[in-house]
Amino acid sequence: MIRRFAIVWALLAAATAYSQQTPAEEQPPTQQPTTQQPATQQPATQQPATGQEPPEEETGRRRKVRPHDYLNWTFNVGVGVGWPSGTTRTYVKGGGAVGTAGVARDFSRYFGLRADFLYANLPLRSSALELAQAPGSRSQVYGITVDPIINIPVTKLYSGYLLFGPGFYHRSGKLDSTTVVPGSSCNGFFQWWGSCFNGIIPLNRSVLNSSQNELGFNFGAGVARKIRGNLEVYGEFRYEHAKHIGITTDVRPITIGVRW
């Protein structure tokens, strides 16, 4: 009897212990959440740092721009001598002093516009003074010219240029004295001097002074050599011609000077 009771008690204790215990294999396995890999990020566009070279395309575009290799404005001054021509040579001897000053506006390396002021002494010949019956005189011409100028670059040091255009000239002079008789016939000198009226020296007009305003033209050429920076020395030849009511003035100034 006691043995049966002990067997039953043992069976009950085993059943109770089994019911309280949860086997690990009976519980469903815990599902781990799937870890998503982050999407591959595109590398950010790299911006050029300050001071870096511009892209090739932009650099190539900049290289095509030519440098500004000429001055917008240039100035010149020169001195020299003048040689008359035409009718002027009959009464004026060569070698009179010449002075010039000018300014040019360059629109490109090859083309510009130049304005010049000219002074040229016109010393009368001894034969002209005899015709004027005068012991001495002063005579000169002033001119203002506006010329297109064509520049011709030859090397880095040497260049040439051509110019031509219209001009306005004022010729004036004065005889120290004269013994010519008013009302007498004019000779060639007084006709060129501008004192004649219908071939006669007028009674009511002084022949001592001469004043002529004349329109004309000029053309010439020059060569220049750069000596330092923008400073150049140049040599220039010009032909100047002016005319008014048949009275002409012709002079060929040869000058040397500087321009910058």
Protein backbone atom coordinates (compact mmCIF):
# COMPACT_ATOMS: atom_id res chain seq x y z
CA MET A 1 0.00 0.00 0.00
CA ILE A 2 2.68 2.40 1.00
CA ARG A 3 4.60 1.53 -2.20
CA ARG A 4 1.62 2.36 -4.38
CA PHE A 5 1.15 5.66 -2.58
CA ALA A 6 4.79 6.53 -3.12
CA ILE A 7 4.58 5.71 -6.84
CA VAL A 8 1.45 7.85 -7.30
CA TRP A 9 3.08 10.72 -5.40
CA ALA A 10 6.14 10.55 -7.56
CA LEU A 11 4.07 10.57 -10.75
CA LEU A 12 2.08 13.63 -9.56
CA ALA A 13 5.23 15.53 -8.66
CA ALA A 14 6.76 14.78 -12.06
CA ALA A 15 3.61 15.89 -13.88
CA THR A 16 3.47 19.15 -11.92
CA ALA A 17 7.09 19.95 -12.68
CA TYR A 18 6.63 19.23 -16.37
CA SER A 19 3.56 21.46 -16.63
CA GLN A 20 5.41 24.45 -15.09
CA GLN A 21 8.38 24.17 -17.42
CA THR A 22 8.18 25.76 -21.00
CA PRO A 23 10.50 23.99 -23.34
CA ALA A 24 12.73 26.34 -25.34
CA GLU A 25 12.11 24.44 -28.54
CA GLU A 26 8.33 24.89 -28.37
CA GLN A 27 8.48 28.69 -28.52
CA PRO A 28 8.70 30.07 -32.02
CA PRO A 29 12.01 31.67 -32.81
CA THR A 30 12.05 35.48 -32.60
CA GLN A 31 12.27 36.97 -36.08
CA GLN A 32 15.01 39.52 -36.30
CA PRO A 33 14.10 42.63 -38.33
CA THR A 34 15.83 42.79 -41.66
CA THR A 35 18.48 45.46 -41.58
CA GLN A 36 18.33 47.55 -44.78
CA GLN A 37 21.58 48.68 -46.23
CA PRO A 38 21.60 52.46 -46.79
CA ALA A 39 21.37 53.48 -50.40
CA THR A 40 24.68 54.28 -51.98
CA GLN A 41 25.08 58.05 -51.88
CA GLN A 42 26.24 59.83 -54.98
CA PRO A 43 29.37 61.85 -54.34
CA ALA A 44 28.63 65.55 -54.12
CA THR A 45 29.77 67.67 -57.02
CA GLN A 46 33.14 68.99 -56.09
CA GLN A 47 33.24 72.76 -56.27
CA PRO A 48 36.53 74.33 -57.23
CA ALA A 49 38.24 75.96 -54.29
CA THR A 50 38.90 79.66 -54.34
CA GLY A 51 42.01 80.45 -56.36
CA GLN A 52 41.85 77.28 -58.46
CA GLU A 53 42.24 77.37 -62.25
CA PRO A 54 38.95 77.87 -64.18
CA PRO A 55 37.68 75.00 -66.32
CA GLU A 56 39.51 74.32 -69.56
CA GLU A 57 36.63 75.56 -71.65
CA GLU A 58 36.58 78.94 -69.92
CA THR A 59 40.37 79.24 -70.03
CA GLY A 60 40.39 78.53 -73.76
CA ARG A 61 37.77 81.20 -74.29
CA ARG A 62 39.84 83.77 -72.41
CA ARG A 63 42.95 82.99 -74.39
CA LYS A 64 41.19 84.03 -77.59
CA VAL A 65 40.86 87.64 -76.38
CA ARG A 66 43.74 89.66 -77.86
CA PRO A 67 45.49 92.12 -75.57
CA HIS A 68 44.98 95.86 -76.05
CA ASP A 69 48.33 96.58 -77.72
CA TYR A 70 47.85 100.22 -78.72
CA LEU A 71 47.20 103.53 -76.98
CA ASN A 72 43.86 105.28 -77.34
CA TRP A 73 45.56 108.67 -77.40
CA THR A 74 49.05 109.66 -78.55
CA PHE A 75 50.78 113.04 -78.56
CA ASN A 76 53.67 114.34 -80.63
CA VAL A 77 55.94 117.39 -80.85
CA GLY A 78 58.60 118.02 -83.48
CA VAL A 79 60.97 120.57 -84.96
CA GLY A 80 62.62 120.82 -88.34
CA VAL A 81 63.01 122.86 -91.50
CA GLY A 82 60.73 123.75 -94.38
CA TRP A 83 61.40 123.74 -98.12
CA PRO A 84 59.06 125.78 -100.34
CA SER A 85 57.70 124.56 -103.65
CA GLY A 86 55.58 125.92 -106.48
CA THR A 87 55.17 129.69 -106.66
CA THR A 88 56.24 129.99 -103.02
CA ARG A 89 59.73 128.82 -103.93
CA THR A 90 60.15 131.81 -106.24
CA TYR A 91 59.97 134.22 -103.30
CA VAL A 92 60.85 132.11 -100.25
CA LYS A 93 64.17 130.43 -99.58
CA GLY A 94 64.49 127.02 -98.00
CA GLY A 95 65.64 126.21 -94.49
CA GLY A 96 63.04 128.13 -92.50
CA ALA A 97 62.35 126.82 -89.01
CA VAL A 98 59.36 124.52 -88.52
CA GLY A 99 57.55 123.49 -85.33
CA THR A 100 54.70 121.01 -84.97
CA ALA A 101 52.49 119.61 -82.21
CA GLY A 102 49.70 117.11 -82.51
CA VAL A 103 47.37 114.61 -80.94
CA ALA A 104 46.01 111.36 -82.39
CA ARG A 105 43.02 109.20 -81.48
CA ASP A 106 43.74 105.58 -82.35
CA PHE A 107 40.73 103.40 -83.13
CA SER A 108 42.81 100.27 -83.70
CA ARG A 109 46.40 99.20 -83.98
CA TYR A 110 46.39 100.27 -87.63
CA PHE A 111 44.02 103.23 -87.96
CA GLY A 112 43.45 106.55 -86.22
CA LEU A 113 42.72 110.25 -86.64
CA ARG A 114 45.41 112.87 -86.03
CA ALA A 115 45.19 116.65 -85.64
CA ASP A 116 48.31 118.83 -85.96
CA PHE A 117 49.30 122.43 -85.51
CA LEU A 118 52.07 123.69 -87.83
CA TYR A 119 54.28 126.73 -87.72
CA ALA A 120 56.66 127.35 -90.65
CA ASN A 121 58.92 130.35 -91.11
CA LEU A 122 59.00 131.65 -94.71
CA PRO A 123 62.16 133.76 -95.09
CA LEU A 124 61.99 135.90 -98.22
CA ARG A 125 64.72 135.68 -100.82
CA SER A 126 66.89 138.68 -101.61
CA SER A 127 65.31 138.83 -105.05
CA ALA A 128 61.86 139.03 -103.44
CA LEU A 129 62.97 141.89 -101.18
CA GLU A 130 64.24 143.75 -104.25
CA LEU A 131 60.82 143.37 -105.92
CA ALA A 132 59.19 144.58 -102.69
CA GLN A 133 61.70 147.47 -102.44
CA ALA A 134 62.11 146.55 -98.79
CA PRO A 135 65.23 146.15 -96.60
CA GLY A 136 63.83 143.26 -94.59
CA SER A 137 60.72 141.30 -93.70
CA ARG A 138 59.06 138.64 -91.57
CA SER A 139 56.85 135.97 -93.09
CA GLN A 140 55.31 132.76 -91.77
CA VAL A 141 52.44 130.35 -92.16
CA TYR A 142 50.29 128.70 -89.49
CA GLY A 143 48.32 125.57 -90.26
CA ILE A 144 45.81 123.22 -88.64
CA THR A 145 45.36 119.80 -90.26
CA VAL A 146 43.07 116.88 -89.46
CA ASP A 147 44.24 113.65 -91.07
CA PRO A 148 43.37 109.97 -91.05
CA ILE A 149 46.56 108.12 -90.10
CA ILE A 150 47.46 104.58 -91.15
CA ASN A 151 49.96 102.93 -88.81
CA ILE A 152 52.25 100.21 -90.18
CA PRO A 153 53.85 98.06 -87.44
CA VAL A 154 57.09 96.57 -88.75
CA THR A 155 58.85 95.17 -85.67
CA LYS A 156 58.57 95.64 -81.91
CA LEU A 157 60.89 98.64 -82.22
CA TYR A 158 60.18 100.13 -85.65
CA SER A 159 56.97 101.30 -87.28
CA GLY A 160 55.82 103.57 -90.06
CA TYR A 161 52.74 105.60 -90.86
CA LEU A 162 50.95 107.44 -93.67
CA LEU A 163 48.64 110.44 -93.30
CA PHE A 164 46.63 112.71 -95.58
CA GLY A 165 43.74 115.12 -95.24
CA PRO A 166 42.44 118.71 -95.33
CA GLY A 167 43.94 121.76 -93.68
CA PHE A 168 43.35 125.39 -92.86
CA TYR A 169 46.29 127.79 -93.28
CA HIS A 170 46.91 131.39 -92.33
CA ARG A 171 49.88 133.13 -93.98
CA SER A 172 51.00 136.47 -92.67
CA GLY A 173 53.99 138.75 -93.10
CA LYS A 174 55.33 142.24 -92.72
CA LEU A 175 57.82 144.33 -94.67
CA ASP A 176 60.07 146.54 -92.60
CA SER A 177 59.44 149.39 -95.06
CA THR A 178 58.99 149.91 -98.80
CA THR A 179 59.53 152.59 -101.42
CA VAL A 180 56.92 151.20 -103.80
CA VAL A 181 54.55 153.83 -105.15
CA PRO A 182 50.82 153.21 -104.50
CA GLY A 183 48.86 153.07 -107.76
CA SER A 184 51.72 151.43 -109.67
CA SER A 185 51.41 148.09 -111.38
CA CYS A 186 51.91 144.98 -109.28
CA ASN A 187 54.79 142.69 -109.93
CA GLY A 188 54.74 138.96 -109.21
CA PHE A 189 55.84 139.38 -105.61
CA PHE A 190 53.00 141.68 -104.62
CA GLN A 191 50.53 139.38 -106.30
CA TRP A 192 51.82 136.48 -104.18
CA TRP A 193 52.05 138.79 -101.14
CA GLY A 194 48.35 139.54 -101.56
CA SER A 195 48.50 143.33 -101.92
CA CYS A 196 47.25 143.70 -105.49
CA PHE A 197 43.79 144.81 -106.60
CA ASN A 198 43.08 144.34 -110.31
CA GLY A 199 46.83 144.28 -110.97
CA ILE A 200 47.44 147.63 -109.24
CA ILE A 201 48.80 148.45 -105.80
CA PRO A 202 45.86 150.26 -104.18
CA LEU A 203 46.26 153.79 -102.94
CA ASN A 204 44.26 153.27 -99.76
CA ARG A 205 45.83 150.04 -98.59
CA SER A 206 49.14 149.38 -96.90
CA VAL A 207 51.37 146.90 -98.71
CA LEU A 208 53.58 146.40 -95.68
CA ASN A 209 51.34 143.80 -94.09
CA SER A 210 50.14 140.56 -95.62
CA SER A 211 47.37 138.30 -94.29
CA GLN A 212 45.90 135.37 -96.18
CA ASN A 213 43.45 132.67 -95.02
CA GLU A 214 43.67 129.64 -97.28
CA LEU A 215 42.18 126.16 -97.45
CA GLY A 216 44.21 123.25 -98.69
CA PHE A 217 45.38 119.72 -98.13
CA ASN A 218 48.44 117.83 -96.94
CA PHE A 219 49.90 114.37 -97.10
CA GLY A 220 53.00 112.74 -95.71
CA ALA A 221 54.73 109.78 -94.13
CA GLY A 222 56.95 109.02 -91.18
CA VAL A 223 59.01 106.36 -89.43
CA ALA A 224 59.25 105.84 -85.68
CA ARG A 225 61.47 103.91 -83.29
CA LYS A 226 60.50 102.99 -79.74
CA ILE A 227 63.15 103.98 -77.21
CA ARG A 228 61.52 103.32 -73.82
CA GLY A 229 58.04 102.27 -72.78
CA ASN A 230 55.57 104.15 -74.97
CA LEU A 231 58.09 106.87 -75.89
CA GLU A 232 59.14 106.97 -79.55
CA VAL A 233 61.31 109.16 -81.75
CA TYR A 234 60.08 109.82 -85.27
CA GLY A 235 61.05 111.46 -88.53
CA GLU A 236 58.37 112.86 -90.83
CA PHE A 237 58.00 114.43 -94.26
CA ARG A 238 54.91 116.34 -95.39
CA TYR A 239 53.67 118.30 -98.35
CA GLU A 240 51.38 121.23 -97.46
CA HIS A 241 49.41 123.11 -100.12
CA ALA A 242 46.95 125.97 -99.62
CA LYS A 243 45.14 128.33 -101.99
CA HIS A 244 42.81 131.32 -101.96
CA ILE A 245 41.69 133.44 -104.94
CA GLY A 246 44.66 132.28 -106.97
CA ILE A 247 47.23 132.92 -104.22
CA THR A 248 49.06 129.77 -103.16
CA THR A 249 51.33 128.68 -100.32
CA ASP A 250 53.37 125.50 -100.69
CA VAL A 251 55.83 124.18 -98.15
CA ARG A 252 57.41 120.80 -97.47
CA PRO A 253 58.28 120.50 -93.77
CA ILE A 254 60.77 117.86 -92.63
CA THR A 255 60.59 117.27 -88.87
CA ILE A 256 61.99 115.02 -86.17
CA GLY A 257 60.36 114.67 -82.79
CA VAL A 258 58.99 112.47 -80.06
CA ARG A 259 55.58 110.93 -79.50
CA TRP A 260 54.08 109.10 -76.55
